[in-house]
PDB file of N, CA and C in Angstrom:
ATOM      1  N   UNK A   1       0.909  -1.156   0.013  1.00  0.00           N
ATOM      2  CA  UNK A   1       0.036  -0.029   0.004  1.00  0.00           C
ATOM      3  C   UNK A   1       0.875   1.308   0.047  1.00  0.00           C
ATOM      4  N   UNK A   2       0.455   2.243  -0.656  1.00  0.00           N
ATOM      5  CA  UNK A   2       1.285   3.474  -0.814  1.00  0.00           C
ATOM      6  C   UNK A   2       1.118   4.418   0.402  1.00  0.00           C
ATOM      7  N   UNK A   3       0.181   4.084   1.265  1.00  0.00           N
ATOM      8  CA  UNK A   3      -0.017   4.865   2.484  1.00  0.00           C
ATOM      9  C   UNK A   3      -0.490   4.069   3.596  1.00  0.00           C
ATOM     10  N   UNK A   4      -0.206   4.496   4.824  1.00  0.00           N
ATOM     11  CA  UNK A   4      -0.742   3.911   6.029  1.00  0.00           C
ATOM     12  C   UNK A   4      -0.621   4.892   7.191  1.00  0.00           C
ATOM     13  N   UNK A   5      -1.070   4.421   8.327  1.00  0.00           N
ATOM     14  CA  UNK A   5      -0.893   5.204   9.554  1.00  0.00           C
ATOM     15  C   UNK A   5      -0.193   4.301  10.570  1.00  0.00           C
ATOM     16  N   UNK A   6       1.014   4.811  10.956  1.00  0.00           N
ATOM     17  CA  UNK A   6       1.898   4.000  11.776  1.00  0.00           C
ATOM     18  C   UNK A   6       1.833   4.487  13.270  1.00  0.00           C
ATOM     19  N   UNK A   7       1.597   3.508  14.163  1.00  0.00           N
ATOM     20  CA  UNK A   7       1.524   3.976  15.590  1.00  0.00           C
ATOM     21  C   UNK A   7       2.814   4.595  16.102  1.00  0.00           C
ATOM     22  N   UNK A   8       2.655   5.690  16.740  1.00  0.00           N
ATOM     23  CA  UNK A   8       3.869   6.404  17.400  1.00  0.00           C
ATOM     24  C   UNK A   8       3.618   6.243  18.908  1.00  0.00           C
ATOM     25  N   UNK A   9       4.594   5.467  19.432  1.00  0.00           N
ATOM     26  CA  UNK A   9       4.464   5.157  20.894  1.00  0.00           C
ATOM     27  C   UNK A   9       4.528   6.371  21.807  1.00  0.00           C
ATOM     28  N   UNK A  10       5.457   7.290  21.440  1.00  0.00           N
ATOM     29  CA  UNK A  10       5.628   8.545  22.313  1.00  0.00           C
ATOM     30  C   UNK A  10       4.333   9.366  22.186  1.00  0.00           C
ATOM     31  N   UNK A  11       3.791   9.617  21.054  1.00  0.00           N
ATOM     32  CA  UNK A  11       2.641  10.469  20.887  1.00  0.00           C
ATOM     33  C   UNK A  11       1.319   9.757  21.233  1.00  0.00           C
ATOM     34  N   UNK A  12       1.338   8.482  21.145  1.00  0.00           N
ATOM     35  CA  UNK A  12       0.145   7.689  21.463  1.00  0.00           C
ATOM     36  C   UNK A  12      -0.920   7.766  20.370  1.00  0.00           C
ATOM     37  N   UNK A  13      -0.554   8.144  19.176  1.00  0.00           N
ATOM     38  CA  UNK A  13      -1.526   8.137  18.049  1.00  0.00           C
ATOM     39  C   UNK A  13      -0.767   7.617  16.804  1.00  0.00           C
ATOM     40  N   UNK A  14      -1.473   7.094  15.819  1.00  0.00           N
ATOM     41  CA  UNK A  14      -0.891   6.650  14.608  1.00  0.00           C
ATOM     42  C   UNK A  14      -0.634   7.900  13.740  1.00  0.00           C
ATOM     43  N   UNK A  15       0.519   7.938  13.068  1.00  0.00           N
ATOM     44  CA  UNK A  15       0.827   9.055  12.238  1.00  0.00           C
ATOM     45  C   UNK A  15       0.844   8.653  10.754  1.00  0.00           C
ATOM     46  N   UNK A  16       0.479   9.570   9.917  1.00  0.00           N
ATOM     47  CA  UNK A  16       0.406   9.243   8.492  1.00  0.00           C
ATOM     48  C   UNK A  16       1.839   8.942   7.921  1.00  0.00           C
ATOM     49  N   UNK A  17       1.910   7.994   6.956  1.00  0.00           N
ATOM     50  CA  UNK A  17       3.065   7.641   6.331  1.00  0.00           C
ATOM     51  C   UNK A  17       2.667   7.316   4.791  1.00  0.00           C
ATOM     52  N   UNK A  18       3.385   7.887   3.879  1.00  0.00           N
ATOM     53  CA  UNK A  18       3.135   7.571   2.480  1.00  0.00           C
ATOM     54  C   UNK A  18       4.440   7.615   1.746  1.00  0.00           C
ATOM     55  N   UNK A  19       4.537   6.846   0.651  1.00  0.00           N
ATOM     56  CA  UNK A  19       5.762   6.767  -0.106  1.00  0.00           C
ATOM     57  C   UNK A  19       5.741   7.385  -1.491  1.00  0.00           C
ATOM     58  N   UNK A  20       4.779   8.299  -1.660  1.00  0.00           N
ATOM     59  CA  UNK A  20       4.693   9.122  -2.867  1.00  0.00           C
ATOM     60  C   UNK A  20       4.124  10.503  -2.553  1.00  0.00           C
ATOM     61  N   UNK A  21       4.245  11.305  -3.526  1.00  0.00           N
ATOM     62  CA  UNK A  21       3.748  12.712  -3.298  1.00  0.00           C
ATOM     63  C   UNK A  21       2.220  12.777  -3.250  1.00  0.00           C
ATOM     64  N   UNK A  22       1.725  13.712  -2.446  1.00  0.00           N
ATOM     65  CA  UNK A  22       0.316  13.857  -2.206  1.00  0.00           C
ATOM     66  C   UNK A  22      -0.455  13.975  -3.574  1.00  0.00           C
ATOM     67  N   UNK A  23       0.126  14.718  -4.490  1.00  0.00           N
ATOM     68  CA  UNK A  23      -0.496  14.966  -5.797  1.00  0.00           C
ATOM     69  C   UNK A  23      -0.605  13.650  -6.619  1.00  0.00           C
ATOM     70  N   UNK A  24       0.170  12.691  -6.298  1.00  0.00           N
ATOM     71  CA  UNK A  24       0.151  11.410  -7.062  1.00  0.00           C
ATOM     72  C   UNK A  24      -0.933  10.470  -6.556  1.00  0.00           C
ATOM     73  N   UNK A  25      -1.566  10.800  -5.410  1.00  0.00           N
ATOM     74  CA  UNK A  25      -2.687   9.886  -4.982  1.00  0.00           C
ATOM     75  C   UNK A  25      -3.892  10.252  -5.804  1.00  0.00           C
ATOM     76  N   UNK A  26      -4.752   9.260  -5.972  1.00  0.00           N
ATOM     77  CA  UNK A  26      -6.039   9.428  -6.642  1.00  0.00           C
ATOM     78  C   UNK A  26      -6.973  10.229  -5.693  1.00  0.00           C
ATOM     79  N   UNK A  27      -7.993  10.887  -6.244  1.00  0.00           N
ATOM     80  CA  UNK A  27      -8.934  11.609  -5.372  1.00  0.00           C
ATOM     81  C   UNK A  27      -9.524  10.686  -4.295  1.00  0.00           C
ATOM     82  N   UNK A  28      -9.787   9.443  -4.691  1.00  0.00           N
ATOM     83  CA  UNK A  28     -10.375   8.462  -3.796  1.00  0.00           C
ATOM     84  C   UNK A  28      -9.398   8.133  -2.621  1.00  0.00           C
ATOM     85  N   UNK A  29      -8.117   7.929  -3.013  1.00  0.00           N
ATOM     86  CA  UNK A  29      -7.107   7.722  -1.976  1.00  0.00           C
ATOM     87  C   UNK A  29      -6.958   8.876  -1.012  1.00  0.00           C
ATOM     88  N   UNK A  30      -6.943  10.078  -1.639  1.00  0.00           N
ATOM     89  CA  UNK A  30      -6.874  11.316  -0.710  1.00  0.00           C
ATOM     90  C   UNK A  30      -8.024  11.406   0.239  1.00  0.00           C
ATOM     91  N   UNK A  31      -9.224  11.092  -0.256  1.00  0.00           N
ATOM     92  CA  UNK A  31     -10.374  11.092   0.612  1.00  0.00           C
ATOM     93  C   UNK A  31     -10.291  10.122   1.720  1.00  0.00           C
ATOM     94  N   UNK A  32      -9.793   8.855   1.371  1.00  0.00           N
ATOM     95  CA  UNK A  32      -9.552   7.856   2.418  1.00  0.00           C
ATOM     96  C   UNK A  32      -8.591   8.279   3.448  1.00  0.00           C
ATOM     97  N   UNK A  33      -7.456   8.840   3.029  1.00  0.00           N
ATOM     98  CA  UNK A  33      -6.412   9.286   3.914  1.00  0.00           C
ATOM     99  C   UNK A  33      -7.038  10.373   4.816  1.00  0.00           C
ATOM    100  N   UNK A  34      -7.683  11.331   4.232  1.00  0.00           N
ATOM    101  CA  UNK A  34      -8.252  12.468   5.033  1.00  0.00           C
ATOM    102  C   UNK A  34      -9.307  12.021   5.982  1.00  0.00           C
ATOM    103  N   UNK A  35     -10.108  11.022   5.590  1.00  0.00           N
ATOM    104  CA  UNK A  35     -11.128  10.545   6.538  1.00  0.00           C
ATOM    105  C   UNK A  35     -10.463   9.810   7.690  1.00  0.00           C
ATOM    106  N   UNK A  36      -9.496   8.964   7.379  1.00  0.00           N
ATOM    107  CA  UNK A  36      -8.780   8.270   8.449  1.00  0.00           C
ATOM    108  C   UNK A  36      -8.060   9.320   9.377  1.00  0.00           C
ATOM    109  N   UNK A  37      -7.413  10.279   8.803  1.00  0.00           N
ATOM    110  CA  UNK A  37      -6.702  11.262   9.664  1.00  0.00           C
ATOM    111  C   UNK A  37      -7.656  12.096  10.486  1.00  0.00           C
ATOM    112  N   UNK A  38      -8.832  12.298   9.934  1.00  0.00           N
ATOM    113  CA  UNK A  38      -9.847  13.066  10.744  1.00  0.00           C
ATOM    114  C   UNK A  38     -10.297  12.273  11.990  1.00  0.00           C
ATOM    115  N   UNK A  39     -10.391  10.919  11.801  1.00  0.00           N
ATOM    116  CA  UNK A  39     -10.724  10.068  12.928  1.00  0.00           C
ATOM    117  C   UNK A  39      -9.658  10.126  13.953  1.00  0.00           C
ATOM    118  N   UNK A  40      -8.414  10.019  13.593  1.00  0.00           N
ATOM    119  CA  UNK A  40      -7.249  10.042  14.476  1.00  0.00           C
ATOM    120  C   UNK A  40      -7.166  11.461  15.109  1.00  0.00           C
ATOM    121  N   UNK A  41      -7.228  12.474  14.270  1.00  0.00           N
ATOM    122  CA  UNK A  41      -7.080  13.904  14.661  1.00  0.00           C
ATOM    123  C   UNK A  41      -8.129  14.214  15.794  1.00  0.00           C
ATOM    124  N   UNK A  42      -9.251  13.618  15.629  1.00  0.00           N
ATOM    125  CA  UNK A  42     -10.401  13.875  16.592  1.00  0.00           C
ATOM    126  C   UNK A  42     -10.055  13.368  17.977  1.00  0.00           C
ATOM    127  N   UNK A  43      -9.089  12.414  18.082  1.00  0.00           N
ATOM    128  CA  UNK A  43      -8.750  11.928  19.437  1.00  0.00           C
ATOM    129  C   UNK A  43      -7.718  12.762  20.145  1.00  0.00           C
ATOM    130  N   UNK A  44      -7.041  13.659  19.402  1.00  0.00           N
ATOM    131  CA  UNK A  44      -5.924  14.455  19.921  1.00  0.00           C
ATOM    132  C   UNK A  44      -6.325  15.280  21.135  1.00  0.00           C
ATOM    133  N   UNK A  45      -7.366  16.038  21.034  1.00  0.00           N
ATOM    134  CA  UNK A  45      -7.742  16.944  22.239  1.00  0.00           C
ATOM    135  C   UNK A  45      -7.861  16.186  23.535  1.00  0.00           C
ATOM    136  N   UNK A  46      -8.544  14.996  23.500  1.00  0.00           N
ATOM    137  CA  UNK A  46      -8.722  14.172  24.666  1.00  0.00           C
ATOM    138  C   UNK A  46      -7.401  13.674  25.169  1.00  0.00           C
ATOM    139  N   UNK A  47      -6.579  13.270  24.229  1.00  0.00           N
ATOM    140  CA  UNK A  47      -5.265  12.753  24.637  1.00  0.00           C
ATOM    141  C   UNK A  47      -4.438  13.787  25.252  1.00  0.00           C
ATOM    142  N   UNK A  48      -4.512  14.984  24.781  1.00  0.00           N
ATOM    143  CA  UNK A  48      -3.797  16.155  25.302  1.00  0.00           C
ATOM    144  C   UNK A  48      -4.289  16.416  26.744  1.00  0.00           C
ATOM    145  N   UNK A  49      -5.634  16.352  26.953  1.00  0.00           N
ATOM    146  CA  UNK A  49      -6.215  16.562  28.252  1.00  0.00           C
ATOM    147  C   UNK A  49      -5.740  15.569  29.288  1.00  0.00           C
ATOM    148  N   UNK A  50      -5.543  14.222  28.802  1.00  0.00           N
ATOM    149  CA  UNK A  50      -5.057  13.253  29.752  1.00  0.00           C
ATOM    150  C   UNK A  50      -3.591  13.531  30.127  1.00  0.00           C
ATOM    151  N   UNK A  51      -2.767  13.975  29.141  1.00  0.00           N
ATOM    152  CA  UNK A  51      -1.411  14.285  29.392  1.00  0.00           C
ATOM    153  C   UNK A  51      -1.302  15.473  30.350  1.00  0.00           C
ATOM    154  N   UNK A  52      -2.179  16.439  30.148  1.00  0.00           N
ATOM    155  CA  UNK A  52      -2.203  17.668  30.980  1.00  0.00           C
ATOM    156  C   UNK A  52      -2.476  17.343  32.456  1.00  0.00           C
ATOM    157  N   UNK A  53      -3.425  16.343  32.631  1.00  0.00           N
ATOM    158  CA  UNK A  53      -3.728  15.940  34.027  1.00  0.00           C
ATOM    159  C   UNK A  53      -2.586  15.188  34.645  1.00  0.00           C
ATOM    160  N   UNK A  54      -1.830  14.511  33.833  1.00  0.00           N
ATOM    161  CA  UNK A  54      -0.593  13.837  34.360  1.00  0.00           C
ATOM    162  C   UNK A  54       0.384  14.923  34.780  1.00  0.00           C
ATOM    163  N   UNK A  55       0.581  15.888  33.942  1.00  0.00           N
ATOM    164  CA  UNK A  55       1.493  17.035  34.276  1.00  0.00           C
ATOM    165  C   UNK A  55       1.092  17.651  35.620  1.00  0.00           C
ATOM    166  N   UNK A  56      -0.208  17.924  35.810  1.00  0.00           N
ATOM    167  CA  UNK A  56      -0.709  18.568  37.034  1.00  0.00           C
ATOM    168  C   UNK A  56      -0.341  17.695  38.253  1.00  0.00           C
ATOM    169  N   UNK A  57      -0.507  16.403  38.119  1.00  0.00           N
ATOM    170  CA  UNK A  57      -0.231  15.521  39.223  1.00  0.00           C
ATOM    171  C   UNK A  57       1.254  15.555  39.573  1.00  0.00           C
ATOM    172  N   UNK A  58       2.099  15.519  38.483  1.00  0.00           N
ATOM    173  CA  UNK A  58       3.558  15.577  38.690  1.00  0.00           C
ATOM    174  C   UNK A  58       3.989  16.945  39.251  1.00  0.00           C
ATOM    175  N   UNK A  59       3.351  17.976  38.801  1.00  0.00           N
ATOM    176  CA  UNK A  59       3.644  19.354  39.335  1.00  0.00           C
ATOM    177  C   UNK A  59       3.330  19.427  40.864  1.00  0.00           C
ATOM    178  N   UNK A  60       2.169  18.761  41.183  1.00  0.00           N
ATOM    179  CA  UNK A  60       1.783  18.754  42.641  1.00  0.00           C
ATOM    180  C   UNK A  60       2.788  17.963  43.467  1.00  0.00           C
ATOM    181  N   UNK A  61       3.312  16.831  42.868  1.00  0.00           N
ATOM    182  CA  UNK A  61       4.362  15.998  43.558  1.00  0.00           C
ATOM    183  C   UNK A  61       5.605  16.917  43.684  1.00  0.00           C
ATOM    184  N   UNK A  62       5.917  17.570  42.574  1.00  0.00           N
ATOM    185  CA  UNK A  62       7.161  18.419  42.588  1.00  0.00           C
ATOM    186  C   UNK A  62       7.124  19.456  43.694  1.00  0.00           C
ATOM    187  N   UNK A  63       5.920  20.039  43.922  1.00  0.00           N
ATOM    188  CA  UNK A  63       5.785  21.146  44.806  1.00  0.00           C
ATOM    189  C   UNK A  63       6.099  20.686  46.256  1.00  0.00           C
ATOM    190  N   UNK A  64       5.983  19.432  46.585  1.00  0.00           N
ATOM    191  CA  UNK A  64       6.218  18.909  47.926  1.00  0.00           C
ATOM    192  C   UNK A  64       7.417  18.015  48.008  1.00  0.00           C
ATOM    193  N   UNK A  65       8.088  17.844  46.960  1.00  0.00           N
ATOM    194  CA  UNK A  65       9.280  16.866  46.903  1.00  0.00           C
ATOM    195  C   UNK A  65      10.496  17.585  47.473  1.00  0.00           C
ATOM    196  N   UNK A  66      11.063  16.915  48.449  1.00  0.00           N
ATOM    197  CA  UNK A  66      12.367  17.496  49.094  1.00  0.00           C
ATOM    198  C   UNK A  66      13.592  16.929  48.502  1.00  0.00           C
ATOM    199  N   UNK A  67      13.508  15.704  47.873  1.00  0.00           N
ATOM    200  CA  UNK A  67      14.614  15.046  47.362  1.00  0.00           C
ATOM    201  C   UNK A  67      15.015  15.645  45.999  1.00  0.00           C
ATOM    202  N   UNK A  68      16.227  16.174  45.932  1.00  0.00           N
ATOM    203  CA  UNK A  68      16.649  16.933  44.757  1.00  0.00           C
ATOM    204  C   UNK A  68      16.615  16.018  43.465  1.00  0.00           C
ATOM    205  N   UNK A  69      17.131  14.820  43.661  1.00  0.00           N
ATOM    206  CA  UNK A  69      17.161  13.823  42.527  1.00  0.00           C
ATOM    207  C   UNK A  69      15.754  13.511  42.007  1.00  0.00           C
ATOM    208  N   UNK A  70      14.871  13.276  42.927  1.00  0.00           N
ATOM    209  CA  UNK A  70      13.480  13.017  42.504  1.00  0.00           C
ATOM    210  C   UNK A  70      12.821  14.324  41.856  1.00  0.00           C
ATOM    211  N   UNK A  71      13.191  15.466  42.396  1.00  0.00           N
ATOM    212  CA  UNK A  71      12.681  16.740  41.817  1.00  0.00           C
ATOM    213  C   UNK A  71      13.166  16.807  40.347  1.00  0.00           C
ATOM    214  N   UNK A  72      14.414  16.515  40.127  1.00  0.00           N
ATOM    215  CA  UNK A  72      14.937  16.560  38.803  1.00  0.00           C
ATOM    216  C   UNK A  72      14.257  15.550  37.846  1.00  0.00           C
ATOM    217  N   UNK A  73      14.001  14.389  38.357  1.00  0.00           N
ATOM    218  CA  UNK A  73      13.290  13.370  37.546  1.00  0.00           C
ATOM    219  C   UNK A  73      11.853  13.854  37.262  1.00  0.00           C
ATOM    220  N   UNK A  74      11.126  14.404  38.183  1.00  0.00           N
ATOM    221  CA  UNK A  74       9.826  14.929  37.925  1.00  0.00           C
ATOM    222  C   UNK A  74       9.835  16.030  36.920  1.00  0.00           C
ATOM    223  N   UNK A  75      10.774  16.943  37.111  1.00  0.00           N
ATOM    224  CA  UNK A  75      10.941  17.983  36.203  1.00  0.00           C
ATOM    225  C   UNK A  75      11.169  17.465  34.758  1.00  0.00           C
ATOM    226  N   UNK A  76      11.984  16.501  34.610  1.00  0.00           N
ATOM    227  CA  UNK A  76      12.299  15.928  33.260  1.00  0.00           C
ATOM    228  C   UNK A  76      11.039  15.258  32.683  1.00  0.00           C
ATOM    229  N   UNK A  77      10.297  14.570  33.505  1.00  0.00           N
ATOM    230  CA  UNK A  77       9.055  13.930  33.086  1.00  0.00           C
ATOM    231  C   UNK A  77       8.056  14.932  32.612  1.00  0.00           C
ATOM    232  N   UNK A  78       7.954  16.007  33.379  1.00  0.00           N
ATOM    233  CA  UNK A  78       6.996  17.083  32.970  1.00  0.00           C
ATOM    234  C   UNK A  78       7.412  17.766  31.697  1.00  0.00           C
ATOM    235  N   UNK A  79       8.688  17.996  31.472  1.00  0.00           N
ATOM    236  CA  UNK A  79       9.193  18.561  30.230  1.00  0.00           C
ATOM    237  C   UNK A  79       8.927  17.642  29.075  1.00  0.00           C
ATOM    238  N   UNK A  80       9.085  16.355  29.267  1.00  0.00           N
ATOM    239  CA  UNK A  80       8.823  15.342  28.167  1.00  0.00           C
ATOM    240  C   UNK A  80       7.327  15.343  27.810  1.00  0.00           C
ATOM    241  N   UNK A  81       6.512  15.309  28.853  1.00  0.00           N
ATOM    242  CA  UNK A  81       5.065  15.388  28.574  1.00  0.00           C
ATOM    243  C   UNK A  81       4.643  16.700  27.849  1.00  0.00           C
ATOM    244  N   UNK A  82       5.198  17.817  28.283  1.00  0.00           N
ATOM    245  CA  UNK A  82       4.863  19.100  27.617  1.00  0.00           C
ATOM    246  C   UNK A  82       5.320  19.083  26.178  1.00  0.00           C
ATOM    247  N   UNK A  83       6.488  18.504  25.893  1.00  0.00           N
ATOM    248  CA  UNK A  83       6.966  18.369  24.567  1.00  0.00           C
ATOM    249  C   UNK A  83       6.047  17.506  23.701  1.00  0.00           C
ATOM    250  N   UNK A  84       5.530  16.455  24.334  1.00  0.00           N
ATOM    251  CA  UNK A  84       4.544  15.599  23.660  1.00  0.00           C
ATOM    252  C   UNK A  84       3.334  16.357  23.301  1.00  0.00           C
ATOM    253  N   UNK A  85       2.773  17.136  24.234  1.00  0.00           N
ATOM    254  CA  UNK A  85       1.603  18.009  23.963  1.00  0.00           C
ATOM    255  C   UNK A  85       1.857  18.874  22.892  1.00  0.00           C
ATOM    256  N   UNK A  86       3.028  19.578  22.888  1.00  0.00           N
ATOM    257  CA  UNK A  86       3.329  20.529  21.803  1.00  0.00           C
ATOM    258  C   UNK A  86       3.353  19.895  20.455  1.00  0.00           C
ATOM    259  N   UNK A  87       3.924  18.674  20.352  1.00  0.00           N
ATOM    260  CA  UNK A  87       3.977  18.026  19.123  1.00  0.00           C
ATOM    261  C   UNK A  87       2.564  17.507  18.687  1.00  0.00           C
ATOM    262  N   UNK A  88       1.800  17.093  19.660  1.00  0.00           N
ATOM    263  CA  UNK A  88       0.408  16.658  19.303  1.00  0.00           C
ATOM    264  C   UNK A  88      -0.425  17.924  18.851  1.00  0.00           C
ATOM    265  N   UNK A  89      -0.186  19.058  19.358  1.00  0.00           N
ATOM    266  CA  UNK A  89      -0.828  20.273  18.887  1.00  0.00           C
ATOM    267  C   UNK A  89      -0.386  20.581  17.432  1.00  0.00           C
ATOM    268  N   UNK A  90       0.835  20.290  17.054  1.00  0.00           N
ATOM    269  CA  UNK A  90       1.257  20.582  15.658  1.00  0.00           C
ATOM    270  C   UNK A  90       0.583  19.522  14.801  1.00  0.00           C
ATOM    271  N   UNK A  91       0.515  18.288  15.243  1.00  0.00           N
ATOM    272  CA  UNK A  91      -0.206  17.265  14.386  1.00  0.00           C
ATOM    273  C   UNK A  91      -1.709  17.636  14.255  1.00  0.00           C
ATOM    274  N   UNK A  92      -2.277  18.168  15.281  1.00  0.00           N
ATOM    275  CA  UNK A  92      -3.658  18.557  15.198  1.00  0.00           C
ATOM    276  C   UNK A  92      -3.905  19.539  14.130  1.00  0.00           C
ATOM    277  N   UNK A  93      -2.930  20.423  13.858  1.00  0.00           N
ATOM    278  CA  UNK A  93      -3.058  21.439  12.823  1.00  0.00           C
ATOM    279  C   UNK A  93      -2.733  20.979  11.494  1.00  0.00           C
ATOM    280  N   UNK A  94      -2.145  19.818  11.391  1.00  0.00           N
ATOM    281  CA  UNK A  94      -1.743  19.280  10.061  1.00  0.00           C
ATOM    282  C   UNK A  94      -2.918  19.151   9.103  1.00  0.00           C
ATOM    283  N   UNK A  95      -4.105  18.802   9.589  1.00  0.00           N
ATOM    284  CA  UNK A  95      -5.255  18.663   8.694  1.00  0.00           C
ATOM    285  C   UNK A  95      -5.518  20.017   7.960  1.00  0.00           C
ATOM    286  N   UNK A  96      -5.455  21.121   8.588  1.00  0.00           N
ATOM    287  CA  UNK A  96      -5.642  22.350   7.916  1.00  0.00           C
ATOM    288  C   UNK A  96      -4.724  22.535   6.748  1.00  0.00           C
ATOM    289  N   UNK A  97      -3.395  22.149   6.945  1.00  0.00           N
ATOM    290  CA  UNK A  97      -2.440  22.300   5.898  1.00  0.00           C
ATOM    291  C   UNK A  97      -2.712  21.422   4.739  1.00  0.00           C
ATOM    292  N   UNK A  98      -3.139  20.170   5.034  1.00  0.00           N
ATOM    293  CA  UNK A  98      -3.453  19.164   3.942  1.00  0.00           C
ATOM    294  C   UNK A  98      -4.646  19.654   3.211  1.00  0.00           C
ATOM    295  N   UNK A  99      -5.651  20.093   3.820  1.00  0.00           N
ATOM    296  CA  UNK A  99      -6.894  20.510   3.255  1.00  0.00           C
ATOM    297  C   UNK A  99      -6.608  21.713   2.396  1.00  0.00           C
ATOM    298  N   UNK A 100      -5.887  22.645   2.837  1.00  0.00           N
ATOM    299  CA  UNK A 100      -5.526  23.814   2.068  1.00  0.00           C
ATOM    300  C   UNK A 100      -4.648  23.417   0.851  1.00  0.00           C
ATOM    301  N   UNK A 101      -3.830  22.484   0.984  1.00  0.00           N
ATOM    302  CA  UNK A 101      -2.986  21.993  -0.118  1.00  0.00           C
ATOM    303  C   UNK A 101      -3.887  21.350  -1.226  1.00  0.00           C
ATOM    304  N   UNK A 102      -4.814  20.580  -0.748  1.00  0.00           N
ATOM    305  CA  UNK A 102      -5.748  19.883  -1.722  1.00  0.00           C
ATOM    306  C   UNK A 102      -6.614  20.960  -2.429  1.00  0.00           C
ATOM    307  N   UNK A 103      -7.036  21.937  -1.697  1.00  0.00           N
ATOM    308  CA  UNK A 103      -7.945  23.008  -2.283  1.00  0.00           C
ATOM    309  C   UNK A 103      -7.189  23.732  -3.398  1.00  0.00           C
ATOM    310  N   UNK A 104      -5.882  23.822  -3.297  1.00  0.00           N
ATOM    311  CA  UNK A 104      -5.100  24.638  -4.246  1.00  0.00           C
ATOM    312  C   UNK A 104      -4.749  23.794  -5.502  1.00  0.00           C
ATOM    313  N   UNK A 105      -5.062  22.493  -5.525  1.00  0.00           N
ATOM    314  CA  UNK A 105      -4.748  21.707  -6.658  1.00  0.00           C
ATOM    315  C   UNK A 105      -5.979  21.386  -7.488  1.00  0.00           C
TER     316      UNK A 105
END
């Protein structure tokens, strides 16, 4: 198959993968890809909310943690989760870029 959605363990969602240019897909293939992406994209806000709640718990732990090493670990975990949220937000906006690209062709 010329396209698929590959699970990304860090982000927790499947990401699009294809081995040819977007313009080389048939209209039907593009519609299938966009439909599948919309299904995945729709799960991103809830996934972000779950990650944000984990960050809040870790921040609360950090606020009362006296052990410097554990504080550093919590800080690192929070930063990793925040980076994941940032990347998920970027992927959430990808649909707008693809749709705009399709509209221009």
